[in-house]
C-alpha atoms as a PDB file:
ATOM      1  CA  UNK A   1      60.786  73.900  93.524  1.00  0.00           C
ATOM      2  CA  UNK A   2      58.708  70.815  94.379  1.00  0.00           C
ATOM      3  CA  UNK A   3      59.363  69.383  90.904  1.00  0.00           C
ATOM      4  CA  UNK A   4      63.112  70.059  91.041  1.00  0.00           C
ATOM      5  CA  UNK A   5      63.665  68.442  94.448  1.00  0.00           C
ATOM      6  CA  UNK A   6      62.644  64.865  93.432  1.00  0.00           C
ATOM      7  CA  UNK A   7      64.835  65.090  90.318  1.00  0.00           C
ATOM      8  CA  UNK A   8      67.771  66.270  92.394  1.00  0.00           C
ATOM      9  CA  UNK A   9      67.301  63.511  94.969  1.00  0.00           C
ATOM     10  CA  UNK A  10      66.985  60.848  92.244  1.00  0.00           C
ATOM     11  CA  UNK A  11      70.177  62.061  90.575  1.00  0.00           C
ATOM     12  CA  UNK A  12      71.956  62.099  93.906  1.00  0.00           C
ATOM     13  CA  UNK A  13      70.865  58.518  94.679  1.00  0.00           C
ATOM     14  CA  UNK A  14      72.072  57.299  91.275  1.00  0.00           C
ATOM     15  CA  UNK A  15      75.425  58.972  91.810  1.00  0.00           C
ATOM     16  CA  UNK A  16      75.738  57.384  95.257  1.00  0.00           C
ATOM     17  CA  UNK A  17      75.019  53.932  93.823  1.00  0.00           C
ATOM     18  CA  UNK A  18      77.529  54.430  91.019  1.00  0.00           C
ATOM     19  CA  UNK A  19      80.206  55.704  93.371  1.00  0.00           C
ATOM     20  CA  UNK A  20      79.594  52.797  95.763  1.00  0.00           C
ATOM     21  CA  UNK A  21      80.228  50.329  92.947  1.00  0.00           C
ATOM     22  CA  UNK A  22      83.415  52.133  91.976  1.00  0.00           C
ATOM     23  CA  UNK A  23      84.640  52.249  95.568  1.00  0.00           C
ATOM     24  CA  UNK A  24      83.830  48.575  96.070  1.00  0.00           C
ATOM     25  CA  UNK A  25      85.796  47.541  92.985  1.00  0.00           C
ATOM     26  CA  UNK A  26      88.743  49.611  94.096  1.00  0.00           C
ATOM     27  CA  UNK A  27      88.714  48.082  97.551  1.00  0.00           C
ATOM     28  CA  UNK A  28      89.205  44.633  95.976  1.00  0.00           C
ATOM     29  CA  UNK A  29      92.250  45.729  93.971  1.00  0.00           C
ATOM     30  CA  UNK A  30      95.723  45.143  95.396  1.00  0.00           C
ATOM     31  CA  UNK A  31      97.662  48.302  96.013  1.00  0.00           C
ATOM     32  CA  UNK A  32     100.328  47.808  93.350  1.00  0.00           C
ATOM     33  CA  UNK A  33     100.442  51.377  92.109  1.00  0.00           C
ATOM     34  CA  UNK A  34     100.447  54.765  93.804  1.00  0.00           C
ATOM     35  CA  UNK A  35     103.483  56.311  95.462  1.00  0.00           C
ATOM     36  CA  UNK A  36     106.028  53.519  95.107  1.00  0.00           C
ATOM     37  CA  UNK A  37     103.299  50.992  96.062  1.00  0.00           C
ATOM     38  CA  UNK A  38     102.727  52.800  99.379  1.00  0.00           C
ATOM     39  CA  UNK A  39     100.073  50.931 101.338  1.00  0.00           C
ATOM     40  CA  UNK A  40      97.463  52.564 103.595  1.00  0.00           C
ATOM     41  CA  UNK A  41      95.488  50.112 105.747  1.00  0.00           C
ATOM     42  CA  UNK A  42      91.679  50.322 105.552  1.00  0.00           C
ATOM     43  CA  UNK A  43      90.236  52.863 107.987  1.00  0.00           C
ATOM     44  CA  UNK A  44      87.167  52.623 110.185  1.00  0.00           C
ATOM     45  CA  UNK A  45      85.511  55.269 108.006  1.00  0.00           C
ATOM     46  CA  UNK A  46      84.898  54.575 104.338  1.00  0.00           C
ATOM     47  CA  UNK A  47      85.348  57.172 101.604  1.00  0.00           C
ATOM     48  CA  UNK A  48      82.751  59.824 100.962  1.00  0.00           C
ATOM     49  CA  UNK A  49      79.983  59.576  98.382  1.00  0.00           C
ATOM     50  CA  UNK A  50      82.415  60.421  95.593  1.00  0.00           C
ATOM     51  CA  UNK A  51      86.183  60.462  95.269  1.00  0.00           C
ATOM     52  CA  UNK A  52      88.176  63.694  94.782  1.00  0.00           C
ATOM     53  CA  UNK A  53      88.825  62.933  91.098  1.00  0.00           C
ATOM     54  CA  UNK A  54      85.092  62.885  90.348  1.00  0.00           C
ATOM     55  CA  UNK A  55      83.518  65.939  88.650  1.00  0.00           C
ATOM     56  CA  UNK A  56      80.655  65.531  91.135  1.00  0.00           C
ATOM     57  CA  UNK A  57      82.902  65.674  94.190  1.00  0.00           C
ATOM     58  CA  UNK A  58      81.151  68.873  95.251  1.00  0.00           C
ATOM     59  CA  UNK A  59      78.123  66.722  96.139  1.00  0.00           C
ATOM     60  CA  UNK A  60      80.163  65.047  98.854  1.00  0.00           C
ATOM     61  CA  UNK A  61      80.957  68.476 100.273  1.00  0.00           C
ATOM     62  CA  UNK A  62      77.250  69.318 100.177  1.00  0.00           C
ATOM     63  CA  UNK A  63      76.573  66.129 102.139  1.00  0.00           C
ATOM     64  CA  UNK A  64      79.148  67.233 104.697  1.00  0.00           C
ATOM     65  CA  UNK A  65      77.484  70.636 105.073  1.00  0.00           C
ATOM     66  CA  UNK A  66      74.114  68.941 105.587  1.00  0.00           C
ATOM     67  CA  UNK A  67      75.601  66.758 108.345  1.00  0.00           C
ATOM     68  CA  UNK A  68      77.016  69.874 110.004  1.00  0.00           C
ATOM     69  CA  UNK A  69      73.672  71.648 109.720  1.00  0.00           C
ATOM     70  CA  UNK A  70      72.030  68.872 111.732  1.00  0.00           C
ATOM     71  CA  UNK A  71      74.859  68.887 114.286  1.00  0.00           C
ATOM     72  CA  UNK A  72      73.537  71.281 116.909  1.00  0.00           C
ATOM     73  CA  UNK A  73      76.239  71.235 119.588  1.00  0.00           C
ATOM     74  CA  UNK A  74      80.012  71.750 119.237  1.00  0.00           C
ATOM     75  CA  UNK A  75      80.481  68.150 120.415  1.00  0.00           C
ATOM     76  CA  UNK A  76      78.368  66.856 117.541  1.00  0.00           C
ATOM     77  CA  UNK A  77      80.182  69.096 115.066  1.00  0.00           C
ATOM     78  CA  UNK A  78      83.551  67.854 116.350  1.00  0.00           C
ATOM     79  CA  UNK A  79      82.463  64.275 115.727  1.00  0.00           C
ATOM     80  CA  UNK A  80      81.324  65.136 112.203  1.00  0.00           C
ATOM     81  CA  UNK A  81      84.591  66.860 111.305  1.00  0.00           C
ATOM     82  CA  UNK A  82      86.616  64.003 112.775  1.00  0.00           C
ATOM     83  CA  UNK A  83      84.566  61.489 110.805  1.00  0.00           C
ATOM     84  CA  UNK A  84      85.055  63.458 107.587  1.00  0.00           C
ATOM     85  CA  UNK A  85      88.818  63.548 108.214  1.00  0.00           C
ATOM     86  CA  UNK A  86      88.690  59.745 108.367  1.00  0.00           C
ATOM     87  CA  UNK A  87      86.759  59.678 105.096  1.00  0.00           C
ATOM     88  CA  UNK A  88      89.466  61.789 103.469  1.00  0.00           C
ATOM     89  CA  UNK A  89      92.111  59.286 104.591  1.00  0.00           C
ATOM     90  CA  UNK A  90      90.059  56.523 102.943  1.00  0.00           C
ATOM     91  CA  UNK A  91      89.822  58.628  99.790  1.00  0.00           C
ATOM     92  CA  UNK A  92      93.577  59.146  99.882  1.00  0.00           C
ATOM     93  CA  UNK A  93      93.993  55.362  99.934  1.00  0.00           C
ATOM     94  CA  UNK A  94      91.848  54.916  96.824  1.00  0.00           C
ATOM     95  CA  UNK A  95      93.530  57.759  94.931  1.00  0.00           C
ATOM     96  CA  UNK A  96      96.956  56.243  95.621  1.00  0.00           C
ATOM     97  CA  UNK A  97      95.654  52.936  94.246  1.00  0.00           C
ATOM     98  CA  UNK A  98      94.849  54.776  91.018  1.00  0.00           C
ATOM     99  CA  UNK A  99      98.130  56.730  91.179  1.00  0.00           C
ATOM    100  CA  UNK A 100      96.124  59.965  90.914  1.00  0.00           C
ATOM    101  CA  UNK A 101      98.515  62.390  92.607  1.00  0.00           C
ATOM    102  CA  UNK A 102      96.482  65.573  92.187  1.00  0.00           C
ATOM    103  CA  UNK A 103      93.384  63.939  93.691  1.00  0.00           C
ATOM    104  CA  UNK A 104      95.524  62.539  96.517  1.00  0.00           C
ATOM    105  CA  UNK A 105      96.624  66.087  97.315  1.00  0.00           C
ATOM    106  CA  UNK A 106      92.969  67.121  97.649  1.00  0.00           C
ATOM    107  CA  UNK A 107      92.372  64.261 100.071  1.00  0.00           C
ATOM    108  CA  UNK A 108      95.421  65.223 102.155  1.00  0.00           C
ATOM    109  CA  UNK A 109      94.167  68.815 102.408  1.00  0.00           C
ATOM    110  CA  UNK A 110      90.803  67.460 103.536  1.00  0.00           C
ATOM    111  CA  UNK A 111      92.460  65.492 106.334  1.00  0.00           C
ATOM    112  CA  UNK A 112      94.329  68.578 107.510  1.00  0.00           C
ATOM    113  CA  UNK A 113      91.425  71.015 107.359  1.00  0.00           C
ATOM    114  CA  UNK A 114      88.758  68.801 108.935  1.00  0.00           C
ATOM    115  CA  UNK A 115      91.092  67.765 111.749  1.00  0.00           C
ATOM    116  CA  UNK A 116      91.748  71.408 112.597  1.00  0.00           C
ATOM    117  CA  UNK A 117      87.989  72.137 112.556  1.00  0.00           C
ATOM    118  CA  UNK A 118      87.318  69.143 114.835  1.00  0.00           C
ATOM    119  CA  UNK A 119      89.820  70.340 117.430  1.00  0.00           C
ATOM    120  CA  UNK A 120      88.359  73.859 117.293  1.00  0.00           C
ATOM    121  CA  UNK A 121      84.894  72.447 118.039  1.00  0.00           C
ATOM    122  CA  UNK A 122      86.333  70.563 121.029  1.00  0.00           C
ATOM    123  CA  UNK A 123      87.581  73.884 122.390  1.00  0.00           C
ATOM    124  CA  UNK A 124      84.156  75.457 121.809  1.00  0.00           C
ATOM    125  CA  UNK A 125      82.445  72.543 123.547  1.00  0.00           C
ATOM    126  CA  UNK A 126      84.708  73.053 126.548  1.00  0.00           C
ATOM    127  CA  UNK A 127      83.790  76.740 126.650  1.00  0.00           C
ATOM    128  CA  UNK A 128      80.116  75.742 126.757  1.00  0.00           C
ATOM    129  CA  UNK A 129      80.831  73.629 129.826  1.00  0.00           C
ATOM    130  CA  UNK A 130      80.737  70.176 128.256  1.00  0.00           C
ATOM    131  CA  UNK A 131      82.897  67.318 129.524  1.00  0.00           C
ATOM    132  CA  UNK A 132      85.167  66.790 126.517  1.00  0.00           C
ATOM    133  CA  UNK A 133      87.767  64.401 127.948  1.00  0.00           C
ATOM    134  CA  UNK A 134      86.420  61.323 126.127  1.00  0.00           C
ATOM    135  CA  UNK A 135      85.795  63.306 122.941  1.00  0.00           C
ATOM    136  CA  UNK A 136      89.318  64.710 123.029  1.00  0.00           C
ATOM    137  CA  UNK A 137      90.704  61.222 123.623  1.00  0.00           C
ATOM    138  CA  UNK A 138      88.884  59.780 120.604  1.00  0.00           C
ATOM    139  CA  UNK A 139      90.000  62.593 118.303  1.00  0.00           C
ATOM    140  CA  UNK A 140      93.529  62.392 119.636  1.00  0.00           C
ATOM    141  CA  UNK A 141      93.704  58.667 118.783  1.00  0.00           C
ATOM    142  CA  UNK A 142      92.495  59.335 115.240  1.00  0.00           C
ATOM    143  CA  UNK A 143      95.062  62.082 114.783  1.00  0.00           C
ATOM    144  CA  UNK A 144      97.800  59.685 115.900  1.00  0.00           C
ATOM    145  CA  UNK A 145      96.684  57.128 113.337  1.00  0.00           C
ATOM    146  CA  UNK A 146      96.496  59.718 110.567  1.00  0.00           C
ATOM    147  CA  UNK A 147      99.924  61.084 111.470  1.00  0.00           C
ATOM    148  CA  UNK A 148     101.396  57.609 111.259  1.00  0.00           C
ATOM    149  CA  UNK A 149      99.956  57.195 107.761  1.00  0.00           C
ATOM    150  CA  UNK A 150     101.170  60.607 106.590  1.00  0.00           C
ATOM    151  CA  UNK A 151     104.636  60.041 108.059  1.00  0.00           C
ATOM    152  CA  UNK A 152     105.018  56.922 105.940  1.00  0.00           C
ATOM    153  CA  UNK A 153     103.671  58.670 102.855  1.00  0.00           C
ATOM    154  CA  UNK A 154     106.001  61.646 103.296  1.00  0.00           C
ATOM    155  CA  UNK A 155     109.045  59.356 103.132  1.00  0.00           C
ATOM    156  CA  UNK A 156     108.008  58.084  99.702  1.00  0.00           C
ATOM    157  CA  UNK A 157     106.189  61.012  98.113  1.00  0.00           C
ATOM    158  CA  UNK A 158     107.863  63.567  95.866  1.00  0.00           C
ATOM    159  CA  UNK A 159     107.081  66.973  94.435  1.00  0.00           C
ATOM    160  CA  UNK A 160     103.830  68.751  95.283  1.00  0.00           C
ATOM    161  CA  UNK A 161     102.326  65.730  97.028  1.00  0.00           C
ATOM    162  CA  UNK A 162     105.283  65.552  99.409  1.00  0.00           C
ATOM    163  CA  UNK A 163     104.951  69.292 100.137  1.00  0.00           C
ATOM    164  CA  UNK A 164     101.215  68.872 100.800  1.00  0.00           C
ATOM    165  CA  UNK A 165     101.868  65.949 103.148  1.00  0.00           C
ATOM    166  CA  UNK A 166     104.589  67.872 105.010  1.00  0.00           C
ATOM    167  CA  UNK A 167     102.204  70.785 105.609  1.00  0.00           C
ATOM    168  CA  UNK A 168      99.503  68.372 106.779  1.00  0.00           C
ATOM    169  CA  UNK A 169     101.872  66.686 109.229  1.00  0.00           C
ATOM    170  CA  UNK A 170     102.784  70.037 110.764  1.00  0.00           C
ATOM    171  CA  UNK A 171      99.100  71.004 111.032  1.00  0.00           C
ATOM    172  CA  UNK A 172      98.031  67.664 112.539  1.00  0.00           C
ATOM    173  CA  UNK A 173     100.908  67.819 115.008  1.00  0.00           C
ATOM    174  CA  UNK A 174      99.697  71.253 116.139  1.00  0.00           C
ATOM    175  CA  UNK A 175      96.088  70.016 116.346  1.00  0.00           C
ATOM    176  CA  UNK A 176      97.216  67.044 118.414  1.00  0.00           C
ATOM    177  CA  UNK A 177      99.010  69.319 120.838  1.00  0.00           C
ATOM    178  CA  UNK A 178      95.902  71.473 121.185  1.00  0.00           C
ATOM    179  CA  UNK A 179      93.482  68.606 121.803  1.00  0.00           C
ATOM    180  CA  UNK A 180      95.790  66.971 124.353  1.00  0.00           C
ATOM    181  CA  UNK A 181      95.109  69.880 126.698  1.00  0.00           C
ATOM    182  CA  UNK A 182      91.645  68.430 127.373  1.00  0.00           C
ATOM    183  CA  UNK A 183      92.873  64.975 128.421  1.00  0.00           C
ATOM    184  CA  UNK A 184      93.444  63.806 131.973  1.00  0.00           C
ATOM    185  CA  UNK A 185      96.797  64.580 133.571  1.00  0.00           C
ATOM    186  CA  UNK A 186      97.958  60.978 133.295  1.00  0.00           C
ATOM    187  CA  UNK A 187      97.021  60.875 129.610  1.00  0.00           C
ATOM    188  CA  UNK A 188      98.741  64.203 128.976  1.00  0.00           C
ATOM    189  CA  UNK A 189     101.976  62.927 130.498  1.00  0.00           C
ATOM    190  CA  UNK A 190     101.774  59.751 128.417  1.00  0.00           C
ATOM    191  CA  UNK A 191     101.008  61.643 125.210  1.00  0.00           C
ATOM    192  CA  UNK A 192     103.848  64.110 125.776  1.00  0.00           C
ATOM    193  CA  UNK A 193     106.336  61.255 126.020  1.00  0.00           C
ATOM    194  CA  UNK A 194     104.837  59.589 122.958  1.00  0.00           C
ATOM    195  CA  UNK A 195     104.907  62.854 121.010  1.00  0.00           C
ATOM    196  CA  UNK A 196     108.555  63.355 121.899  1.00  0.00           C
ATOM    197  CA  UNK A 197     109.368  59.819 120.821  1.00  0.00           C
ATOM    198  CA  UNK A 198     107.633  60.375 117.477  1.00  0.00           C
ATOM    199  CA  UNK A 199     109.468  63.675 117.056  1.00  0.00           C
ATOM    200  CA  UNK A 200     112.794  61.888 117.539  1.00  0.00           C
ATOM    201  CA  UNK A 201     111.833  59.175 115.060  1.00  0.00           C
ATOM    202  CA  UNK A 202     110.699  61.771 112.527  1.00  0.00           C
ATOM    203  CA  UNK A 203     113.943  63.714 112.939  1.00  0.00           C
ATOM    204  CA  UNK A 204     115.983  60.554 112.565  1.00  0.00           C
ATOM    205  CA  UNK A 205     114.084  59.613 109.408  1.00  0.00           C
ATOM    206  CA  UNK A 206     114.617  63.075 107.928  1.00  0.00           C
ATOM    207  CA  UNK A 207     118.331  62.806 108.658  1.00  0.00           C
ATOM    208  CA  UNK A 208     118.472  59.419 106.971  1.00  0.00           C
ATOM    209  CA  UNK A 209     116.664  60.860 103.955  1.00  0.00           C
ATOM    210  CA  UNK A 210     119.214  63.685 103.804  1.00  0.00           C
ATOM    211  CA  UNK A 211     122.035  61.176 104.027  1.00  0.00           C
ATOM    212  CA  UNK A 212     120.576  59.201 101.120  1.00  0.00           C
ATOM    213  CA  UNK A 213     120.196  62.385  99.080  1.00  0.00           C
ATOM    214  CA  UNK A 214     123.804  63.321  99.860  1.00  0.00           C
ATOM    215  CA  UNK A 215     124.989  59.892  98.729  1.00  0.00           C
ATOM    216  CA  UNK A 216     123.026  60.200  95.487  1.00  0.00           C
ATOM    217  CA  UNK A 217     124.452  63.681  94.828  1.00  0.00           C
ATOM    218  CA  UNK A 218     127.996  62.489  95.437  1.00  0.00           C
ATOM    219  CA  UNK A 219     127.464  59.524  93.122  1.00  0.00           C
ATOM    220  CA  UNK A 220     126.094  61.817  90.406  1.00  0.00           C
ATOM    221  CA  UNK A 221     128.980  64.248  90.746  1.00  0.00           C
ATOM    222  CA  UNK A 222     131.460  61.389  90.603  1.00  0.00           C
ATOM    223  CA  UNK A 223     129.919  60.113  87.361  1.00  0.00           C
ATOM    224  CA  UNK A 224     130.044  63.641  85.927  1.00  0.00           C
ATOM    225  CA  UNK A 225     133.700  63.912  86.833  1.00  0.00           C
ATOM    226  CA  UNK A 226     134.446  60.576  85.172  1.00  0.00           C
ATOM    227  CA  UNK A 227     132.589  61.604  82.015  1.00  0.00           C
ATOM    228  CA  UNK A 228     134.563  64.853  81.805  1.00  0.00           C
ATOM    229  CA  UNK A 229     137.820  62.933  82.208  1.00  0.00           C
ATOM    230  CA  UNK A 230     137.066  60.806  79.142  1.00  0.00           C
ATOM    231  CA  UNK A 231     135.912  63.640  76.850  1.00  0.00           C
ATOM    232  CA  UNK A 232     138.188  64.052  73.798  1.00  0.00           C
ATOM    233  CA  UNK A 233     138.517  67.741  72.978  1.00  0.00           C
ATOM    234  CA  UNK A 234     140.244  69.583  70.147  1.00  0.00           C
ATOM    235  CA  UNK A 235     143.659  71.082  70.867  1.00  0.00           C
ATOM    236  CA  UNK A 236     142.146  74.548  71.122  1.00  0.00           C
ATOM    237  CA  UNK A 237     139.888  73.412  73.994  1.00  0.00           C
ATOM    238  CA  UNK A 238     142.405  71.437  76.033  1.00  0.00           C
ATOM    239  CA  UNK A 239     143.057  74.342  78.383  1.00  0.00           C
ATOM    240  CA  UNK A 240     139.334  74.860  79.089  1.00  0.00           C
ATOM    241  CA  UNK A 241     138.770  71.148  79.691  1.00  0.00           C
ATOM    242  CA  UNK A 242     141.727  71.023  82.061  1.00  0.00           C
ATOM    243  CA  UNK A 243     140.279  73.918  84.091  1.00  0.00           C
ATOM    244  CA  UNK A 244     136.895  72.209  84.253  1.00  0.00           C
ATOM    245  CA  UNK A 245     138.483  69.041  85.622  1.00  0.00           C
ATOM    246  CA  UNK A 246     140.369  71.092  88.194  1.00  0.00           C
ATOM    247  CA  UNK A 247     137.286  72.999  89.330  1.00  0.00           C
ATOM    248  CA  UNK A 248     135.000  69.950  89.534  1.00  0.00           C
ATOM    249  CA  UNK A 249     136.671  68.298  92.546  1.00  0.00           C
ATOM    250  CA  UNK A 250     136.694  71.681  94.291  1.00  0.00           C
ATOM    251  CA  UNK A 251     132.949  72.096  93.723  1.00  0.00           C
ATOM    252  CA  UNK A 252     132.407  68.528  94.857  1.00  0.00           C
ATOM    253  CA  UNK A 253     134.306  69.107  98.096  1.00  0.00           C
ATOM    254  CA  UNK A 254     132.469  72.368  98.759  1.00  0.00           C
ATOM    255  CA  UNK A 255     129.045  70.815  98.204  1.00  0.00           C
ATOM    256  CA  UNK A 256     129.964  67.779 100.291  1.00  0.00           C
ATOM    257  CA  UNK A 257     131.113  69.998 103.137  1.00  0.00           C
ATOM    258  CA  UNK A 258     127.892  72.028 103.094  1.00  0.00           C
ATOM    259  CA  UNK A 259     125.715  68.918 103.074  1.00  0.00           C
ATOM    260  CA  UNK A 260     127.777  67.299 105.801  1.00  0.00           C
ATOM    261  CA  UNK A 261     127.399  70.381 108.008  1.00  0.00           C
ATOM    262  CA  UNK A 262     123.612  70.343 107.545  1.00  0.00           C
ATOM    263  CA  UNK A 263     123.420  66.675 108.468  1.00  0.00           C
ATOM    264  CA  UNK A 264     125.641  67.253 111.491  1.00  0.00           C
ATOM    265  CA  UNK A 265     123.328  70.025 112.684  1.00  0.00           C
ATOM    266  CA  UNK A 266     120.268  67.803 112.354  1.00  0.00           C
ATOM    267  CA  UNK A 267     122.050  64.936 114.046  1.00  0.00           C
ATOM    268  CA  UNK A 268     122.813  67.230 116.971  1.00  0.00           C
ATOM    269  CA  UNK A 269     119.114  68.146 117.181  1.00  0.00           C
ATOM    270  CA  UNK A 270     118.294  64.453 117.400  1.00  0.00           C
ATOM    271  CA  UNK A 271     120.814  64.035 120.209  1.00  0.00           C
ATOM    272  CA  UNK A 272     119.211  66.953 122.055  1.00  0.00           C
ATOM    273  CA  UNK A 273     115.796  65.299 121.706  1.00  0.00           C
ATOM    274  CA  UNK A 274     117.173  62.028 123.003  1.00  0.00           C
ATOM    275  CA  UNK A 275     118.710  63.841 125.951  1.00  0.00           C
ATOM    276  CA  UNK A 276     115.357  65.476 126.714  1.00  0.00           C
ATOM    277  CA  UNK A 277     113.643  62.084 126.482  1.00  0.00           C
ATOM    278  CA  UNK A 278     116.093  60.651 128.976  1.00  0.00           C
ATOM    279  CA  UNK A 279     115.405  63.478 131.400  1.00  0.00           C
ATOM    280  CA  UNK A 280     111.626  63.017 131.087  1.00  0.00           C
ATOM    281  CA  UNK A 281     111.808  59.274 131.656  1.00  0.00           C
ATOM    282  CA  UNK A 282     114.202  59.641 134.587  1.00  0.00           C
ATOM    283  CA  UNK A 283     112.401  60.443 137.872  1.00  0.00           C
ATOM    284  CA  UNK A 284     113.655  63.411 139.843  1.00  0.00           C
ATOM    285  CA  UNK A 285     115.396  62.231 143.024  1.00  0.00           C
ATOM    286  CA  UNK A 286     113.511  63.047 146.198  1.00  0.00           C
ATOM    287  CA  UNK A 287     115.647  65.081 148.629  1.00  0.00           C
ATOM    288  CA  UNK A 288     116.333  63.309 151.900  1.00  0.00           C
ATOM    289  CA  UNK A 289     115.129  64.989 155.044  1.00  0.00           C
END
């Protein structure tokens, strides 16, 4: 065991040095690739020892477990988890630079999971009688920053990465709501208004995305209709072609109506949110005596 430990530590040090050189070279590269050149600003935390696309990424998880082992109190554990969540955001940035989607998904999951663990430790610290207001405030600010990054990424991502980001946004939103309970009353009121504002913006963005998708679908269907109109068919197929041209506008109208109804429903939800915002920001009149 005594002989194996020095070898393991030496190997670990060499891997750390190698990964540091890789991370440093990546930090100097302009973000011209990734999800439609999506740009994530540098975070206060750097990436972990190794990036998610490394075959030795498990060593970074071992390092995390060692940090947690030395964290005695729930407050210390909360800080570790929050720090690791920041590291995962930094790793996400580097993986998007390399346009490595599968590794980016791993980083997004790391942000979601470690944030949830951090908030859970805040709750445990409160149960042990610790004053967690400042801790909750720090974690809450980091969650806000990470949500802002993921919101922007969700608008540009596609496929499995988009699904992973959407799940992470929902999880971080829930974690944010949970950690806000440990803030001061004034901070809670401020955060509730800010959360509502972000919810309205997110709903509006989703509606705009749906509108763009509807426009693209209508354009595609229109091109299909035009292509069918110019197809030259044998005399035996004229009847079938005529039926296809008759049915296509009907299908187009039906699909357009369905999409329009969905967008109308979401638009109404946005209006409801705006109405709620107005009520929150409008002070309740004090009855005269």
